[in-house]
């Protein structure tokens, strides 16, 4: 898991850097949630995954 609380502040010189870090963190956190809840993806129904997210 990659929580936002653990972002390295030394790499965020601008708001663009911060946004990039937040988006990358969200990508990995979303993948982690999807992997932990495989039963939510029944027959390709992505709405169950959205609920888990």
PDB file of N, CA and C in Angstrom:
ATOM      1  N   UNK A   1       0.834  -1.187   0.000  1.00  0.00           N
ATOM      2  CA  UNK A   1       0.000   0.000   0.000  1.00  0.00           C
ATOM      3  C   UNK A   1       0.873   1.242   0.000  1.00  0.00           C
ATOM      4  N   UNK A   2       0.385   2.264  -0.653  1.00  0.00           N
ATOM      5  CA  UNK A   2       1.113   3.531  -0.704  1.00  0.00           C
ATOM      6  C   UNK A   2       0.166   4.634  -0.256  1.00  0.00           C
ATOM      7  N   UNK A   3       0.190   4.934   1.014  1.00  0.00           N
ATOM      8  CA  UNK A   3      -0.702   5.944   1.555  1.00  0.00           C
ATOM      9  C   UNK A   3      -0.147   7.340   1.340  1.00  0.00           C
ATOM     10  N   UNK A   4      -1.044   8.305   1.200  1.00  0.00           N
ATOM     11  CA  UNK A   4      -0.629   9.687   0.994  1.00  0.00           C
ATOM     12  C   UNK A   4       0.155  10.229   2.177  1.00  0.00           C
ATOM     13  N   UNK A   5      -0.066   9.667   3.362  1.00  0.00           N
ATOM     14  CA  UNK A   5       0.649  10.142   4.541  1.00  0.00           C
ATOM     15  C   UNK A   5       2.147   9.908   4.424  1.00  0.00           C
ATOM     16  N   UNK A   6       2.541   8.973   3.576  1.00  0.00           N
ATOM     17  CA  UNK A   6       3.947   8.611   3.463  1.00  0.00           C
ATOM     18  C   UNK A   6       4.624   9.207   2.238  1.00  0.00           C
ATOM     19  N   UNK A   7       4.000  10.208   1.607  1.00  0.00           N
ATOM     20  CA  UNK A   7       4.641  10.866   0.474  1.00  0.00           C
ATOM     21  C   UNK A   7       5.888  11.599   0.949  1.00  0.00           C
ATOM     22  N   UNK A   8       6.922  11.569   0.140  1.00  0.00           N
ATOM     23  CA  UNK A   8       8.150  12.286   0.446  1.00  0.00           C
ATOM     24  C   UNK A   8       7.977  13.744   0.039  1.00  0.00           C
ATOM     25  N   UNK A   9       7.931  14.645   1.003  1.00  0.00           N
ATOM     26  CA  UNK A   9       7.712  16.068   0.720  1.00  0.00           C
ATOM     27  C   UNK A   9       8.888  16.712  -0.002  1.00  0.00           C
ATOM     28  N   UNK A  10      10.046  16.094   0.019  1.00  0.00           N
ATOM     29  CA  UNK A  10      11.214  16.663  -0.651  1.00  0.00           C
ATOM     30  C   UNK A  10      11.074  16.633  -2.165  1.00  0.00           C
ATOM     31  N   UNK A  11      10.178  15.810  -2.686  1.00  0.00           N
ATOM     32  CA  UNK A  11       9.988  15.697  -4.136  1.00  0.00           C
ATOM     33  C   UNK A  11       8.846  16.554  -4.653  1.00  0.00           C
ATOM     34  N   UNK A  12       8.281  17.412  -3.829  1.00  0.00           N
ATOM     35  CA  UNK A  12       7.123  18.204  -4.245  1.00  0.00           C
ATOM     36  C   UNK A  12       7.470  19.688  -4.222  1.00  0.00           C
ATOM     37  N   UNK A  13       8.201  20.122  -5.226  1.00  0.00           N
ATOM     38  CA  UNK A  13       8.611  21.520  -5.316  1.00  0.00           C
ATOM     39  C   UNK A  13       7.486  22.398  -5.857  1.00  0.00           C
ATOM     40  N   UNK A  14       6.603  21.831  -6.668  1.00  0.00           N
ATOM     41  CA  UNK A  14       5.514  22.607  -7.259  1.00  0.00           C
ATOM     42  C   UNK A  14       4.206  21.854  -7.080  1.00  0.00           C
ATOM     43  N   UNK A  15       3.110  22.538  -7.377  1.00  0.00           N
ATOM     44  CA  UNK A  15       1.809  21.875  -7.289  1.00  0.00           C
ATOM     45  C   UNK A  15       1.689  20.768  -8.333  1.00  0.00           C
ATOM     46  N   UNK A  16       2.390  20.911  -9.455  1.00  0.00           N
ATOM     47  CA  UNK A  16       2.372  19.852 -10.465  1.00  0.00           C
ATOM     48  C   UNK A  16       3.031  18.584  -9.926  1.00  0.00           C
ATOM     49  N   UNK A  17       4.120  18.762  -9.181  1.00  0.00           N
ATOM     50  CA  UNK A  17       4.777  17.605  -8.558  1.00  0.00           C
ATOM     51  C   UNK A  17       3.847  16.938  -7.557  1.00  0.00           C
ATOM     52  N   UNK A  18       3.170  17.751  -6.758  1.00  0.00           N
ATOM     53  CA  UNK A  18       2.248  17.211  -5.762  1.00  0.00           C
ATOM     54  C   UNK A  18       1.119  16.447  -6.443  1.00  0.00           C
ATOM     55  N   UNK A  19       0.538  17.026  -7.488  1.00  0.00           N
ATOM     56  CA  UNK A  19      -0.538  16.352  -8.211  1.00  0.00           C
ATOM     57  C   UNK A  19      -0.046  15.034  -8.798  1.00  0.00           C
ATOM     58  N   UNK A  20       1.139  15.034  -9.367  1.00  0.00           N
ATOM     59  CA  UNK A  20       1.695  13.800  -9.915  1.00  0.00           C
ATOM     60  C   UNK A  20       1.862  12.734  -8.849  1.00  0.00           C
ATOM     61  N   UNK A  21       2.371  13.134  -7.688  1.00  0.00           N
ATOM     62  CA  UNK A  21       2.544  12.182  -6.584  1.00  0.00           C
ATOM     63  C   UNK A  21       1.208  11.636  -6.102  1.00  0.00           C
ATOM     64  N   UNK A  22       0.201  12.498  -6.013  1.00  0.00           N
ATOM     65  CA  UNK A  22      -1.126  12.062  -5.570  1.00  0.00           C
ATOM     66  C   UNK A  22      -1.724  11.079  -6.572  1.00  0.00           C
ATOM     67  N   UNK A  23      -1.588  11.370  -7.859  1.00  0.00           N
ATOM     68  CA  UNK A  23      -2.151  10.486  -8.884  1.00  0.00           C
ATOM     69  C   UNK A  23      -1.464   9.124  -8.904  1.00  0.00           C
ATOM     70  N   UNK A  24      -0.152   9.107  -8.775  1.00  0.00           N
ATOM     71  CA  UNK A  24       0.567   7.826  -8.752  1.00  0.00           C
ATOM     72  C   UNK A  24       0.183   7.033  -7.510  1.00  0.00           C
ATOM     73  N   UNK A  25       0.075   7.720  -6.376  1.00  0.00           N
ATOM     74  CA  UNK A  25      -0.326   7.049  -5.141  1.00  0.00           C
ATOM     75  C   UNK A  25      -1.724   6.472  -5.280  1.00  0.00           C
ATOM     76  N   UNK A  26      -2.646   7.233  -5.867  1.00  0.00           N
ATOM     77  CA  UNK A  26      -4.018   6.759  -6.055  1.00  0.00           C
ATOM     78  C   UNK A  26      -4.057   5.546  -6.982  1.00  0.00           C
ATOM     79  N   UNK A  27      -3.223   5.548  -7.999  1.00  0.00           N
ATOM     80  CA  UNK A  27      -3.163   4.407  -8.922  1.00  0.00           C
ATOM     81  C   UNK A  27      -2.791   3.129  -8.176  1.00  0.00           C
ATOM     82  N   UNK A  28      -1.736   3.188  -7.382  1.00  0.00           N
ATOM     83  CA  UNK A  28      -1.287   1.999  -6.650  1.00  0.00           C
ATOM     84  C   UNK A  28      -2.265   1.612  -5.551  1.00  0.00           C
ATOM     85  N   UNK A  29      -2.857   2.589  -4.891  1.00  0.00           N
ATOM     86  CA  UNK A  29      -3.829   2.287  -3.839  1.00  0.00           C
ATOM     87  C   UNK A  29      -5.074   1.633  -4.444  1.00  0.00           C
ATOM     88  N   UNK A  30      -5.520   2.124  -5.602  1.00  0.00           N
ATOM     89  CA  UNK A  30      -6.661   1.514  -6.286  1.00  0.00           C
ATOM     90  C   UNK A  30      -6.373   0.083  -6.703  1.00  0.00           C
ATOM     91  N   UNK A  31      -5.185  -0.156  -7.235  1.00  0.00           N
ATOM     92  CA  UNK A  31      -4.806  -1.518  -7.626  1.00  0.00           C
ATOM     93  C   UNK A  31      -4.758  -2.440  -6.413  1.00  0.00           C
ATOM     94  N   UNK A  32      -4.308  -1.910  -5.292  1.00  0.00           N
ATOM     95  CA  UNK A  32      -4.251  -2.699  -4.061  1.00  0.00           C
ATOM     96  C   UNK A  32      -5.651  -3.079  -3.587  1.00  0.00           C
ATOM     97  N   UNK A  33      -6.576  -2.142  -3.646  1.00  0.00           N
ATOM     98  CA  UNK A  33      -7.956  -2.407  -3.218  1.00  0.00           C
ATOM     99  C   UNK A  33      -8.608  -3.432  -4.141  1.00  0.00           C
ATOM    100  N   UNK A  34      -8.405  -3.287  -5.442  1.00  0.00           N
ATOM    101  CA  UNK A  34      -8.975  -4.239  -6.401  1.00  0.00           C
ATOM    102  C   UNK A  34      -8.425  -5.639  -6.143  1.00  0.00           C
ATOM    103  N   UNK A  35      -7.131  -5.742  -5.857  1.00  0.00           N
ATOM    104  CA  UNK A  35      -6.525  -7.050  -5.602  1.00  0.00           C
ATOM    105  C   UNK A  35      -7.047  -7.681  -4.313  1.00  0.00           C
ATOM    106  N   UNK A  36      -7.360  -6.854  -3.324  1.00  0.00           N
ATOM    107  CA  UNK A  36      -7.832  -7.371  -2.037  1.00  0.00           C
ATOM    108  C   UNK A  36      -9.310  -7.754  -2.058  1.00  0.00           C
ATOM    109  N   UNK A  37     -10.045  -7.320  -3.073  1.00  0.00           N
ATOM    110  CA  UNK A  37     -11.481  -7.589  -3.147  1.00  0.00           C
ATOM    111  C   UNK A  37     -11.859  -8.216  -4.493  1.00  0.00           C
ATOM    112  N   UNK A  38     -11.300  -9.368  -4.834  1.00  0.00           N
ATOM    113  CA  UNK A  38     -11.605  -9.976  -6.139  1.00  0.00           C
ATOM    114  C   UNK A  38     -13.066 -10.395  -6.268  1.00  0.00           C
ATOM    115  N   UNK A  39     -13.736 -10.645  -5.146  1.00  0.00           N
ATOM    116  CA  UNK A  39     -15.140 -11.056  -5.187  1.00  0.00           C
ATOM    117  C   UNK A  39     -16.055  -9.920  -5.641  1.00  0.00           C
ATOM    118  N   UNK A  40     -15.566  -8.690  -5.655  1.00  0.00           N
ATOM    119  CA  UNK A  40     -16.374  -7.552  -6.108  1.00  0.00           C
ATOM    120  C   UNK A  40     -16.479  -7.492  -7.629  1.00  0.00           C
ATOM    121  N   UNK A  41     -15.570  -8.170  -8.323  1.00  0.00           N
ATOM    122  CA  UNK A  41     -15.555  -8.152  -9.789  1.00  0.00           C
ATOM    123  C   UNK A  41     -16.245  -9.409 -10.311  1.00  0.00           C
ATOM    124  N   UNK A  42     -17.562  -9.454 -10.149  1.00  0.00           N
ATOM    125  CA  UNK A  42     -18.348 -10.612 -10.557  1.00  0.00           C
ATOM    126  C   UNK A  42     -18.795 -10.426 -12.002  1.00  0.00           C
ATOM    127  N   UNK A  43     -18.388 -11.348 -12.862  1.00  0.00           N
ATOM    128  CA  UNK A  43     -18.753 -11.318 -14.289  1.00  0.00           C
ATOM    129  C   UNK A  43     -18.382  -9.999 -14.955  1.00  0.00           C
ATOM    130  N   UNK A  44     -17.268  -9.414 -14.561  1.00  0.00           N
ATOM    131  CA  UNK A  44     -16.822  -8.172 -15.180  1.00  0.00           C
ATOM    132  C   UNK A  44     -17.609  -6.954 -14.749  1.00  0.00           C
ATOM    133  N   UNK A  45     -18.421  -7.079 -13.705  1.00  0.00           N
ATOM    134  CA  UNK A  45     -19.220  -5.963 -13.213  1.00  0.00           C
ATOM    135  C   UNK A  45     -18.325  -5.013 -12.425  1.00  0.00           C
ATOM    136  N   UNK A  46     -17.959  -3.902 -13.027  1.00  0.00           N
ATOM    137  CA  UNK A  46     -17.023  -2.966 -12.410  1.00  0.00           C
ATOM    138  C   UNK A  46     -17.671  -2.099 -11.334  1.00  0.00           C
ATOM    139  N   UNK A  47     -18.998  -2.073 -11.241  1.00  0.00           N
ATOM    140  CA  UNK A  47     -19.630  -1.237 -10.221  1.00  0.00           C
ATOM    141  C   UNK A  47     -19.317  -1.750  -8.822  1.00  0.00           C
ATOM    142  N   UNK A  48     -19.120  -3.050  -8.669  1.00  0.00           N
ATOM    143  CA  UNK A  48     -18.727  -3.597  -7.370  1.00  0.00           C
ATOM    144  C   UNK A  48     -17.341  -3.134  -6.962  1.00  0.00           C
ATOM    145  N   UNK A  49     -16.453  -3.031  -7.925  1.00  0.00           N
ATOM    146  CA  UNK A  49     -15.103  -2.526  -7.652  1.00  0.00           C
ATOM    147  C   UNK A  49     -15.182  -1.056  -7.267  1.00  0.00           C
ATOM    148  N   UNK A  50     -16.016  -0.281  -7.935  1.00  0.00           N
ATOM    149  CA  UNK A  50     -16.164   1.137  -7.595  1.00  0.00           C
ATOM    150  C   UNK A  50     -16.653   1.299  -6.164  1.00  0.00           C
ATOM    151  N   UNK A  51     -17.549   0.431  -5.726  1.00  0.00           N
ATOM    152  CA  UNK A  51     -18.028   0.481  -4.350  1.00  0.00           C
ATOM    153  C   UNK A  51     -16.889   0.201  -3.386  1.00  0.00           C
ATOM    154  N   UNK A  52     -16.039  -0.750  -3.707  1.00  0.00           N
ATOM    155  CA  UNK A  52     -14.895  -1.062  -2.846  1.00  0.00           C
ATOM    156  C   UNK A  52     -13.914   0.098  -2.791  1.00  0.00           C
ATOM    157  N   UNK A  53     -13.731   0.767  -3.926  1.00  0.00           N
ATOM    158  CA  UNK A  53     -12.810   1.902  -3.950  1.00  0.00           C
ATOM    159  C   UNK A  53     -13.350   3.031  -3.123  1.00  0.00           C
TER     160      UNK A  53
END
